[in-house]
C-alpha atoms as a PDB file:
ATOM      1  CA  MET A   1       0.000   0.000   0.000  1.00  0.00           C
ATOM      2  CA  ARG A   2       1.325   3.420  -0.944  1.00  0.00           C
ATOM      3  CA  GLU A   3       1.892   5.985   1.798  1.00  0.00           C
ATOM      4  CA  LEU A   4       0.985   9.687   1.582  1.00  0.00           C
ATOM      5  CA  LYS A   5       3.747  11.647   3.305  1.00  0.00           C
ATOM      6  CA  ASN A   6       3.566  15.318   4.291  1.00  0.00           C
ATOM      7  CA  LEU A   7       6.947  17.048   4.495  1.00  0.00           C
ATOM      8  CA  GLU A   8       7.725  20.473   5.947  1.00  0.00           C
ATOM      9  CA  ILE A   9      10.463  22.328   4.078  1.00  0.00           C
ATOM     10  CA  PRO A  10      13.349  23.256   6.425  1.00  0.00           C
ATOM     11  CA  GLU A  11      15.246  26.529   6.123  1.00  0.00           C
ATOM     12  CA  ASP A  12      18.488  25.001   4.837  1.00  0.00           C
ATOM     13  CA  ILE A  13      16.937  23.837   1.534  1.00  0.00           C
ATOM     14  CA  GLU A  14      14.717  26.879   0.911  1.00  0.00           C
ATOM     15  CA  GLY A  15      14.986  28.036  -2.695  1.00  0.00           C
ATOM     16  CA  GLU A  16      16.025  24.665  -4.108  1.00  0.00           C
ATOM     17  CA  ARG A  17      14.162  22.976  -6.933  1.00  0.00           C
ATOM     18  CA  ILE A  18      11.501  20.586  -5.698  1.00  0.00           C
ATOM     19  CA  ASP A  19      13.215  17.548  -7.255  1.00  0.00           C
ATOM     20  CA  SER A  20      16.491  18.297  -5.469  1.00  0.00           C
ATOM     21  CA  ALA A  21      14.754  19.164  -2.181  1.00  0.00           C
ATOM     22  CA  LEU A  22      12.663  15.983  -2.089  1.00  0.00           C
ATOM     23  CA  ALA A  23      15.670  13.840  -3.001  1.00  0.00           C
ATOM     24  CA  LYS A  24      17.389  15.152   0.125  1.00  0.00           C
ATOM     25  CA  LEU A  25      14.367  14.889   2.417  1.00  0.00           C
ATOM     26  CA  LEU A  26      13.261  11.436   1.293  1.00  0.00           C
ATOM     27  CA  GLY A  27      16.594   9.908   0.330  1.00  0.00           C
ATOM     28  CA  PHE A  28      15.275   8.863  -3.085  1.00  0.00           C
ATOM     29  CA  SER A  29      17.201   9.299  -6.322  1.00  0.00           C
ATOM     30  CA  ARG A  30      16.341  12.311  -8.455  1.00  0.00           C
ATOM     31  CA  SER A  31      15.016  10.010 -11.182  1.00  0.00           C
ATOM     32  CA  VAL A  32      12.465   8.537  -8.754  1.00  0.00           C
ATOM     33  CA  ILE A  33      11.410  12.024  -7.620  1.00  0.00           C
ATOM     34  CA  VAL A  34      11.013  13.211 -11.214  1.00  0.00           C
ATOM     35  CA  LYS A  35       8.737  10.237 -11.957  1.00  0.00           C
ATOM     36  CA  LEU A  36       6.572  11.156  -8.967  1.00  0.00           C
ATOM     37  CA  LEU A  37       6.419  14.777 -10.133  1.00  0.00           C
ATOM     38  CA  ASP A  38       5.598  13.804 -13.719  1.00  0.00           C
ATOM     39  CA  SER A  39       2.825  11.515 -12.433  1.00  0.00           C
ATOM     40  CA  GLY A  40       1.226  14.338 -10.453  1.00  0.00           C
ATOM     41  CA  GLU A  41       1.953  12.694  -7.098  1.00  0.00           C
ATOM     42  CA  VAL A  42       3.633  15.710  -5.490  1.00  0.00           C
ATOM     43  CA  SER A  43       1.469  18.634  -4.444  1.00  0.00           C
ATOM     44  CA  LEU A  44       1.339  21.834  -2.447  1.00  0.00           C
ATOM     45  CA  GLY A  45      -2.221  22.146  -1.228  1.00  0.00           C
ATOM     46  CA  HIS A  46      -4.357  21.456  -4.292  1.00  0.00           C
ATOM     47  CA  ARG A  47      -1.621  22.404  -6.780  1.00  0.00           C
ATOM     48  CA  LYS A  48       0.442  19.726  -8.487  1.00  0.00           C
ATOM     49  CA  LEU A  49       4.148  20.599  -8.571  1.00  0.00           C
ATOM     50  CA  GLY A  50       6.637  20.286 -11.427  1.00  0.00           C
ATOM     51  CA  LYS A  51      10.357  19.609 -11.156  1.00  0.00           C
ATOM     52  CA  SER A  52      11.323  23.234 -11.819  1.00  0.00           C
ATOM     53  CA  ASP A  53       9.204  24.600  -8.937  1.00  0.00           C
ATOM     54  CA  LYS A  54      11.224  25.923  -6.015  1.00  0.00           C
ATOM     55  CA  VAL A  55      10.436  25.366  -2.352  1.00  0.00           C
ATOM     56  CA  LEU A  56      10.040  27.828   0.495  1.00  0.00           C
ATOM     57  CA  LYS A  57      10.680  27.381   4.204  1.00  0.00           C
ATOM     58  CA  GLY A  58       7.631  26.093   6.068  1.00  0.00           C
ATOM     59  CA  GLN A  59       5.753  24.788   3.025  1.00  0.00           C
ATOM     60  CA  ILE A  60       4.019  21.435   3.536  1.00  0.00           C
ATOM     61  CA  ILE A  61       4.630  19.240   0.511  1.00  0.00           C
ATOM     62  CA  SER A  62       2.477  16.133   0.050  1.00  0.00           C
ATOM     63  CA  VAL A  63       4.097  13.145  -1.666  1.00  0.00           C
ATOM     64  CA  LEU A  64       2.444   9.851  -2.594  1.00  0.00           C
ATOM     65  CA  LEU A  65       5.381   7.516  -2.059  1.00  0.00           C
ATOM     66  CA  PRO A  66       6.167   4.654  -4.448  1.00  0.00           C
ATOM     67  CA  GLU A  67       5.003   1.158  -3.611  1.00  0.00           C
ATOM     68  CA  PRO A  68       7.625  -0.356  -1.299  1.00  0.00           C
ATOM     69  CA  PRO A  69       9.562  -3.143  -3.009  1.00  0.00           C
ATOM     70  CA  SER A  70       9.082  -6.698  -1.868  1.00  0.00           C
ATOM     71  CA  GLY A  71      11.858  -9.102  -0.975  1.00  0.00           C
ATOM     72  CA  ILE A  72      15.504  -8.129  -0.424  1.00  0.00           C
ATOM     73  CA  ALA A  73      15.995  -4.539  -1.570  1.00  0.00           C
ATOM     74  CA  ILE A  74      19.779  -4.453  -1.263  1.00  0.00           C
ATOM     75  CA  PRO A  75      21.749  -7.319  -2.832  1.00  0.00           C
ATOM     76  CA  PRO A  76      24.951  -8.328  -1.013  1.00  0.00           C
ATOM     77  CA  THR A  77      28.051  -7.244  -2.967  1.00  0.00           C
ATOM     78  CA  PRO A  78      31.239  -8.569  -1.322  1.00  0.00           C
ATOM     79  CA  LEU A  79      34.035  -6.005  -1.497  1.00  0.00           C
ATOM     80  CA  PRO A  80      37.309  -6.978   0.206  1.00  0.00           C
ATOM     81  CA  GLU A  81      38.804  -3.519  -0.473  1.00  0.00           C
ATOM     82  CA  LEU A  82      36.200  -1.846   1.772  1.00  0.00           C
ATOM     83  CA  ARG A  83      37.878  -1.014   5.085  1.00  0.00           C
ATOM     84  CA  ILE A  84      36.048  -0.476   8.382  1.00  0.00           C
ATOM     85  CA  VAL A  85      37.509   2.625  10.077  1.00  0.00           C
ATOM     86  CA  PHE A  86      35.096   2.854  13.035  1.00  0.00           C
ATOM     87  CA  GLN A  87      32.192   0.744  14.228  1.00  0.00           C
ATOM     88  CA  ASP A  88      29.923   0.424  17.246  1.00  0.00           C
ATOM     89  CA  ALA A  89      26.287  -0.542  17.858  1.00  0.00           C
ATOM     90  CA  ASP A  90      24.939   2.645  16.254  1.00  0.00           C
ATOM     91  CA  LEU A  91      27.073   3.457  13.218  1.00  0.00           C
ATOM     92  CA  VAL A  92      29.863   2.283  10.970  1.00  0.00           C
ATOM     93  CA  ILE A  93      32.395   4.406   9.063  1.00  0.00           C
ATOM     94  CA  VAL A  94      34.127   2.909   6.046  1.00  0.00           C
ATOM     95  CA  ASN A  95      36.983   3.928   3.784  1.00  0.00           C
ATOM     96  CA  LYS A  96      35.150   3.628   0.450  1.00  0.00           C
ATOM     97  CA  PRO A  97      37.213   2.604  -2.566  1.00  0.00           C
ATOM     98  CA  VAL A  98      36.758   4.305  -5.910  1.00  0.00           C
ATOM     99  CA  GLY A  99      34.371   2.454  -8.228  1.00  0.00           C
ATOM    100  CA  CYS A 100      31.931   1.645  -5.440  1.00  0.00           C
ATOM    101  CA  ALA A 101      28.515   3.329  -5.222  1.00  0.00           C
ATOM    102  CA  ALA A 102      26.956   4.297  -1.905  1.00  0.00           C
ATOM    103  CA  HIS A 103      23.787   2.282  -2.590  1.00  0.00           C
ATOM    104  CA  PRO A 104      21.928   0.486  -5.394  1.00  0.00           C
ATOM    105  CA  SER A 105      20.391   2.638  -8.129  1.00  0.00           C
ATOM    106  CA  PRO A 106      18.817   2.030 -11.549  1.00  0.00           C
ATOM    107  CA  GLY A 107      21.449   1.028 -14.087  1.00  0.00           C
ATOM    108  CA  TRP A 108      24.239   0.464 -11.529  1.00  0.00           C
ATOM    109  CA  THR A 109      25.511  -3.132 -11.492  1.00  0.00           C
ATOM    110  CA  GLY A 110      28.717  -2.636  -9.522  1.00  0.00           C
ATOM    111  CA  PRO A 111      29.432  -2.944  -5.792  1.00  0.00           C
ATOM    112  CA  THR A 112      27.763  -0.728  -3.185  1.00  0.00           C
ATOM    113  CA  VAL A 113      28.727   0.267   0.338  1.00  0.00           C
ATOM    114  CA  VAL A 114      25.508  -1.027   1.880  1.00  0.00           C
ATOM    115  CA  GLY A 115      25.731  -4.224  -0.171  1.00  0.00           C
ATOM    116  CA  ALA A 116      29.310  -4.766   0.996  1.00  0.00           C
ATOM    117  CA  LEU A 117      28.301  -4.234   4.633  1.00  0.00           C
ATOM    118  CA  ILE A 118      25.460  -6.750   4.279  1.00  0.00           C
ATOM    119  CA  ALA A 119      27.830  -9.239   2.644  1.00  0.00           C
ATOM    120  CA  ALA A 120      30.247  -8.786   5.564  1.00  0.00           C
ATOM    121  CA  GLY A 121      27.468  -9.547   8.062  1.00  0.00           C
ATOM    122  CA  ILE A 122      27.328  -6.005   9.444  1.00  0.00           C
ATOM    123  CA  PRO A 123      23.722  -5.062  10.306  1.00  0.00           C
ATOM    124  CA  ILE A 124      22.397  -1.671   9.258  1.00  0.00           C
ATOM    125  CA  THR A 125      19.164   0.051  10.189  1.00  0.00           C
ATOM    126  CA  SER A 126      16.088  -0.477   8.042  1.00  0.00           C
ATOM    127  CA  SER A 127      15.352   3.268   8.317  1.00  0.00           C
ATOM    128  CA  GLY A 128      15.239   5.155   5.034  1.00  0.00           C
ATOM    129  CA  PRO A 129      14.085   4.118   1.556  1.00  0.00           C
ATOM    130  CA  ALA A 130      14.498   0.397   0.872  1.00  0.00           C
ATOM    131  CA  GLU A 131      17.443   0.824  -1.495  1.00  0.00           C
ATOM    132  CA  ARG A 132      19.147   3.357   0.793  1.00  0.00           C
ATOM    133  CA  GLN A 133      18.716   1.814   4.224  1.00  0.00           C
ATOM    134  CA  GLY A 134      21.053   3.403   6.740  1.00  0.00           C
ATOM    135  CA  ILE A 135      22.454   5.961   4.309  1.00  0.00           C
ATOM    136  CA  VAL A 136      23.075   9.338   5.991  1.00  0.00           C
ATOM    137  CA  GLN A 137      25.649  10.680   3.512  1.00  0.00           C
ATOM    138  CA  ARG A 138      26.954   9.731   0.090  1.00  0.00           C
ATOM    139  CA  LEU A 139      30.138   9.867  -1.934  1.00  0.00           C
ATOM    140  CA  ASP A 140      30.241   9.743  -5.719  1.00  0.00           C
ATOM    141  CA  VAL A 141      31.358   6.487  -7.331  1.00  0.00           C
ATOM    142  CA  GLY A 142      34.545   8.280  -8.431  1.00  0.00           C
ATOM    143  CA  THR A 143      35.374   9.663  -4.964  1.00  0.00           C
ATOM    144  CA  SER A 144      37.234   7.630  -2.359  1.00  0.00           C
ATOM    145  CA  GLY A 145      37.328   8.042   1.398  1.00  0.00           C
ATOM    146  CA  LEU A 146      35.232   8.150   4.530  1.00  0.00           C
ATOM    147  CA  MET A 147      31.510   7.437   4.444  1.00  0.00           C
ATOM    148  CA  MET A 148      29.161   6.857   7.366  1.00  0.00           C
ATOM    149  CA  VAL A 149      26.210   4.430   7.572  1.00  0.00           C
ATOM    150  CA  ALA A 150      23.715   4.177  10.452  1.00  0.00           C
ATOM    151  CA  LYS A 151      23.227   0.837  12.210  1.00  0.00           C
ATOM    152  CA  SER A 152      20.483   1.926  14.633  1.00  0.00           C
ATOM    153  CA  GLU A 153      17.301   3.887  13.988  1.00  0.00           C
ATOM    154  CA  ILE A 154      18.135   6.548  16.574  1.00  0.00           C
ATOM    155  CA  ALA A 155      21.545   7.100  14.981  1.00  0.00           C
ATOM    156  CA  TYR A 156      19.949   7.352  11.527  1.00  0.00           C
ATOM    157  CA  LEU A 157      17.515  10.070  12.626  1.00  0.00           C
ATOM    158  CA  LYS A 158      20.079  12.060  14.589  1.00  0.00           C
ATOM    159  CA  LEU A 159      22.829  11.811  11.973  1.00  0.00           C
ATOM    160  CA  LYS A 160      20.477  13.007   9.216  1.00  0.00           C
ATOM    161  CA  ASP A 161      19.743  16.086  11.329  1.00  0.00           C
ATOM    162  CA  MET A 162      23.411  16.593  12.167  1.00  0.00           C
ATOM    163  CA  PHE A 163      24.416  16.573   8.497  1.00  0.00           C
ATOM    164  CA  ARG A 164      21.534  18.896   7.634  1.00  0.00           C
ATOM    165  CA  ASN A 165      22.507  21.286  10.453  1.00  0.00           C
ATOM    166  CA  ARG A 166      26.220  21.165   9.491  1.00  0.00           C
ATOM    167  CA  GLU A 167      27.281  19.653  12.813  1.00  0.00           C
ATOM    168  CA  ILE A 168      29.657  17.156  11.205  1.00  0.00           C
ATOM    169  CA  LYS A 169      33.055  18.376  10.033  1.00  0.00           C
ATOM    170  CA  LYS A 170      33.993  16.914   6.656  1.00  0.00           C
ATOM    171  CA  ILE A 171      37.560  17.329   5.412  1.00  0.00           C
ATOM    172  CA  TYR A 172      38.677  16.407   1.907  1.00  0.00           C
ATOM    173  CA  HIS A 173      42.042  16.369   0.174  1.00  0.00           C
ATOM    174  CA  ALA A 174      42.070  17.433  -3.462  1.00  0.00           C
ATOM    175  CA  LEU A 175      44.670  17.919  -6.181  1.00  0.00           C
ATOM    176  CA  ALA A 176      43.939  20.901  -8.395  1.00  0.00           C
ATOM    177  CA  GLN A 177      45.484  22.269 -11.570  1.00  0.00           C
ATOM    178  CA  GLY A 178      47.851  25.230 -11.292  1.00  0.00           C
ATOM    179  CA  HIS A 179      49.167  27.051  -8.235  1.00  0.00           C
ATOM    180  CA  ILE A 180      46.314  28.389  -6.128  1.00  0.00           C
ATOM    181  CA  GLU A 181      46.784  31.708  -4.381  1.00  0.00           C
ATOM    182  CA  PRO A 182      46.279  32.832  -1.702  1.00  0.00           C
ATOM    183  CA  ALA A 183      47.374  29.678   0.130  1.00  0.00           C
ATOM    184  CA  ILE A 184      44.387  29.919   2.485  1.00  0.00           C
ATOM    185  CA  GLY A 185      41.034  31.055   1.195  1.00  0.00           C
ATOM    186  CA  THR A 186      37.276  30.715   0.924  1.00  0.00           C
ATOM    187  CA  ILE A 187      35.126  30.280  -2.160  1.00  0.00           C
ATOM    188  CA  ASP A 188      31.651  31.686  -1.605  1.00  0.00           C
ATOM    189  CA  ALA A 189      29.590  31.157  -4.755  1.00  0.00           C
ATOM    190  CA  PRO A 190      26.006  29.847  -5.168  1.00  0.00           C
ATOM    191  CA  ILE A 191      25.511  26.471  -6.868  1.00  0.00           C
ATOM    192  CA  ASP A 192      22.584  24.983  -8.778  1.00  0.00           C
ATOM    193  CA  ARG A 193      21.933  22.728 -11.764  1.00  0.00           C
ATOM    194  CA  HIS A 194      23.842  23.719 -14.886  1.00  0.00           C
ATOM    195  CA  PRO A 195      21.481  25.792 -17.074  1.00  0.00           C
ATOM    196  CA  LYS A 196      22.197  23.655 -20.157  1.00  0.00           C
ATOM    197  CA  ASP A 197      23.671  20.359 -18.968  1.00  0.00           C
ATOM    198  CA  ASP A 198      21.328  18.827 -16.389  1.00  0.00           C
ATOM    199  CA  TYR A 199      23.822  16.101 -15.441  1.00  0.00           C
ATOM    200  CA  LYS A 200      26.194  18.578 -13.794  1.00  0.00           C
ATOM    201  CA  MET A 201      26.167  21.575 -11.477  1.00  0.00           C
ATOM    202  CA  ALA A 202      27.382  25.153 -11.932  1.00  0.00           C
ATOM    203  CA  VAL A 203      27.920  28.454 -10.161  1.00  0.00           C
ATOM    204  CA  VAL A 204      24.789  30.463 -10.918  1.00  0.00           C
ATOM    205  CA  SER A 205      23.525  33.656  -9.311  1.00  0.00           C
ATOM    206  CA  SER A 206      20.160  32.095  -8.422  1.00  0.00           C
ATOM    207  CA  GLY A 207      21.716  29.006  -6.814  1.00  0.00           C
ATOM    208  CA  LYS A 208      21.893  27.941  -3.191  1.00  0.00           C
ATOM    209  CA  PRO A 209      24.526  29.559  -0.949  1.00  0.00           C
ATOM    210  CA  SER A 210      27.662  27.404  -1.113  1.00  0.00           C
ATOM    211  CA  VAL A 211      30.868  27.943   0.865  1.00  0.00           C
ATOM    212  CA  THR A 212      34.146  26.037   0.513  1.00  0.00           C
ATOM    213  CA  HIS A 213      37.241  26.672   2.648  1.00  0.00           C
ATOM    214  CA  TYR A 214      40.646  25.531   1.454  1.00  0.00           C
ATOM    215  CA  GLU A 215      44.255  25.494   2.603  1.00  0.00           C
ATOM    216  CA  VAL A 216      47.306  24.568   0.549  1.00  0.00           C
ATOM    217  CA  ILE A 217      49.095  21.450   1.786  1.00  0.00           C
ATOM    218  CA  GLU A 218      51.794  21.516  -0.865  1.00  0.00           C
ATOM    219  CA  TYR A 219      52.624  23.101  -4.205  1.00  0.00           C
ATOM    220  CA  TYR A 220      53.958  20.773  -6.881  1.00  0.00           C
ATOM    221  CA  ARG A 221      54.977  21.610 -10.409  1.00  0.00           C
ATOM    222  CA  SER A 222      51.783  22.749 -12.141  1.00  0.00           C
ATOM    223  CA  VAL A 223      49.412  21.426  -9.431  1.00  0.00           C
ATOM    224  CA  THR A 224      48.370  22.118  -5.828  1.00  0.00           C
ATOM    225  CA  LEU A 225      47.471  19.646  -3.076  1.00  0.00           C
ATOM    226  CA  LEU A 226      44.695  21.090  -0.916  1.00  0.00           C
ATOM    227  CA  LYS A 227      42.907  20.484   2.353  1.00  0.00           C
ATOM    228  CA  VAL A 228      39.258  21.376   1.773  1.00  0.00           C
ATOM    229  CA  GLU A 229      36.488  21.846   4.319  1.00  0.00           C
ATOM    230  CA  LEU A 230      32.864  22.205   3.314  1.00  0.00           C
ATOM    231  CA  GLU A 231      30.677  24.692   5.147  1.00  0.00           C
ATOM    232  CA  THR A 232      27.746  23.614   2.961  1.00  0.00           C
ATOM    233  CA  GLY A 233      27.201  20.319   1.165  1.00  0.00           C
ATOM    234  CA  ARG A 234      25.971  20.880  -2.376  1.00  0.00           C
ATOM    235  CA  THR A 235      26.250  18.258  -5.092  1.00  0.00           C
ATOM    236  CA  HIS A 236      29.753  18.316  -6.648  1.00  0.00           C
ATOM    237  CA  GLN A 237      30.532  21.408  -4.536  1.00  0.00           C
ATOM    238  CA  ILE A 238      34.320  21.066  -4.405  1.00  0.00           C
ATOM    239  CA  ARG A 239      34.538  20.149  -8.083  1.00  0.00           C
ATOM    240  CA  VAL A 240      32.315  23.062  -9.149  1.00  0.00           C
ATOM    241  CA  HIS A 241      34.018  25.652  -6.954  1.00  0.00           C
ATOM    242  CA  MET A 242      37.534  24.688  -8.013  1.00  0.00           C
ATOM    243  CA  SER A 243      36.498  24.781 -11.657  1.00  0.00           C
ATOM    244  CA  ALA A 244      34.872  28.180 -11.111  1.00  0.00           C
ATOM    245  CA  ILE A 245      38.195  29.686  -9.957  1.00  0.00           C
ATOM    246  CA  ARG A 246      39.923  28.052 -12.952  1.00  0.00           C
ATOM    247  CA  HIS A 247      41.696  25.370 -10.949  1.00  0.00           C
ATOM    248  CA  PRO A 248      39.701  22.199 -11.754  1.00  0.00           C
ATOM    249  CA  LEU A 249      40.571  18.990  -9.969  1.00  0.00           C
ATOM    250  CA  ILE A 250      43.089  16.766 -11.734  1.00  0.00           C
ATOM    251  CA  GLY A 251      41.187  14.124 -13.703  1.00  0.00           C
ATOM    252  CA  ASP A 252      37.830  15.918 -13.493  1.00  0.00           C
ATOM    253  CA  LEU A 253      37.074  16.109 -17.207  1.00  0.00           C
ATOM    254  CA  THR A 254      33.407  16.933 -16.537  1.00  0.00           C
ATOM    255  CA  TYR A 255      34.452  20.253 -15.044  1.00  0.00           C
ATOM    256  CA  GLY A 256      37.221  21.260 -17.415  1.00  0.00           C
ATOM    257  CA  ALA A 257      40.370  19.426 -16.292  1.00  0.00           C
ATOM    258  CA  ASP A 258      43.234  18.915 -18.735  1.00  0.00           C
ATOM    259  CA  PRO A 259      43.108  15.256 -19.866  1.00  0.00           C
ATOM    260  CA  ASN A 260      46.804  15.281 -20.801  1.00  0.00           C
ATOM    261  CA  LEU A 261      47.844  16.312 -17.295  1.00  0.00           C
ATOM    262  CA  ALA A 262      45.667  13.578 -15.779  1.00  0.00           C
ATOM    263  CA  THR A 263      47.277  10.996 -18.059  1.00  0.00           C
ATOM    264  CA  GLU A 264      50.750  12.283 -17.208  1.00  0.00           C
ATOM    265  CA  ILE A 265      50.323  11.571 -13.498  1.00  0.00           C
ATOM    266  CA  GLY A 266      48.193   8.454 -13.951  1.00  0.00           C
ATOM    267  CA  VAL A 267      44.778   9.647 -12.753  1.00  0.00           C
ATOM    268  CA  ASN A 268      41.565   8.505 -14.430  1.00  0.00           C
ATOM    269  CA  ARG A 269      39.030  10.042 -12.023  1.00  0.00           C
ATOM    270  CA  PRO A 270      38.684  13.317 -10.104  1.00  0.00           C
ATOM    271  CA  TRP A 271      41.551  13.550  -7.586  1.00  0.00           C
ATOM    272  CA  LEU A 272      39.348  13.867  -4.509  1.00  0.00           C
ATOM    273  CA  HIS A 273      39.447  11.945  -1.224  1.00  0.00           C
ATOM    274  CA  ALA A 274      37.191  12.256   1.850  1.00  0.00           C
ATOM    275  CA  GLN A 275      40.059  12.309   4.348  1.00  0.00           C
ATOM    276  CA  ALA A 276      38.544  13.043   7.773  1.00  0.00           C
ATOM    277  CA  LEU A 277      35.295  13.180   9.750  1.00  0.00           C
ATOM    278  CA  GLN A 278      34.895  14.911  13.117  1.00  0.00           C
ATOM    279  CA  PHE A 279      31.629  14.926  15.072  1.00  0.00           C
ATOM    280  CA  THR A 280      29.896  14.226  18.351  1.00  0.00           C
ATOM    281  CA  HIS A 281      28.535  10.690  18.534  1.00  0.00           C
ATOM    282  CA  PRO A 282      24.735  10.895  18.073  1.00  0.00           C
ATOM    283  CA  VAL A 283      24.009   8.467  20.943  1.00  0.00           C
ATOM    284  CA  SER A 284      26.934   8.439  23.382  1.00  0.00           C
ATOM    285  CA  GLY A 285      27.795  12.125  23.009  1.00  0.00           C
ATOM    286  CA  LEU A 286      31.512  11.298  22.813  1.00  0.00           C
ATOM    287  CA  PRO A 287      33.791  13.124  20.335  1.00  0.00           C
ATOM    288  CA  ILE A 288      34.675  11.053  17.252  1.00  0.00           C
ATOM    289  CA  SER A 289      37.578  11.873  14.937  1.00  0.00           C
ATOM    290  CA  VAL A 290      38.628   9.504  12.141  1.00  0.00           C
ATOM    291  CA  SER A 291      40.837   9.742   9.073  1.00  0.00           C
ATOM    292  CA  ALA A 292      41.552   7.638   5.983  1.00  0.00           C
ATOM    293  CA  ASP A 293      44.788   7.137   4.047  1.00  0.00           C
ATOM    294  CA  TYR A 294      44.892   7.755   0.305  1.00  0.00           C
ATOM    295  CA  PRO A 295      44.186   4.770  -1.941  1.00  0.00           C
ATOM    296  CA  GLY A 296      46.888   3.445  -4.248  1.00  0.00           C
ATOM    297  CA  ASP A 297      45.976   5.455  -7.352  1.00  0.00           C
ATOM    298  CA  LEU A 298      46.219   8.781  -5.519  1.00  0.00           C
ATOM    299  CA  THR A 299      49.425   7.820  -3.709  1.00  0.00           C
ATOM    300  CA  ASP A 300      50.997   6.737  -7.001  1.00  0.00           C
ATOM    301  CA  SER A 301      50.027  10.006  -8.677  1.00  0.00           C
ATOM    302  CA  LEU A 302      51.732  12.018  -5.939  1.00  0.00           C
ATOM    303  CA  SER A 303      54.882   9.921  -6.265  1.00  0.00           C
ATOM    304  CA  ARG A 304      55.114  11.120  -9.874  1.00  0.00           C
ATOM    305  CA  LEU A 305      55.127  14.707  -8.651  1.00  0.00           C
ATOM    306  CA  SER A 306      58.486  14.351  -6.951  1.00  0.00           C
ATOM    307  CA  ASP A 307      59.700  17.924  -7.330  1.00  0.00           C
ATOM    308  CA  ALA A 308      57.664  19.753  -4.716  1.00  0.00           C
ATOM    309  CA  VAL A 309      57.883  23.528  -4.475  1.00  0.00           C
ATOM    310  CA  LEU A 310      57.150  24.835  -0.993  1.00  0.00           C
ATOM    311  CA  PRO A 311      54.480  27.550  -0.632  1.00  0.00           C
END
């Protein structure tokens, strides 16, 4: 039986398109949300909403949810490369390898984080959409590093709020083209869907406020290794912001990186790694701080940049 769900729009997603907002609130993929919108199953009062409508704080959006799937929603996908960095009764943090999706999605046949956890016998909460049980954050298939999954329902609910309220510190390391100056800086530029290419994001004046802080770790010949901290968490935020200041990430061809430079240092994906997470445990209240080493492809690429130039 399908469930009618009424959702109040929180302040932090005000101004976003309805498809993006509902994807965040419900945890569904954008393609699922678009199908619901196209079928007239999303409304504000008596008005049916379209995917280009934007939401306002306090609005109550009614959504007729899809029929829940029967049987096992998440297939086990054994993945020996997946490393457990932290685990207790409420949550698990993994070091996700590149080439692994966070969860199952239409058209994806490769390994997933939740599938790998199930295959390893690690229980996760049933909270959330069937194909995204336990998911409180995501990393792109082409991004390696730390990712958190909830094991208990209370952790799931609290962690979702903590991410939404920016109470979890997320630190990334990124390798960008050129020498970035100043060595410490902030990029404050709104982000939304690209006006022409719907598959990617862009800096646009009507977008959501987006703030990225960076600090140079090391200058190499023609590239810069950065520590990046997100104040907001927009889709592709680091990749979009670095491209916007004309320093795209090495290997990020979607956002304007030089393919020859990527080949030269042996990178075939955006050079981006979720390196650290710092937060207060949602149940125990204890401080948690974890970090993850670079995977082999990123370590090898740095070894090719042997002639470092200090800032």
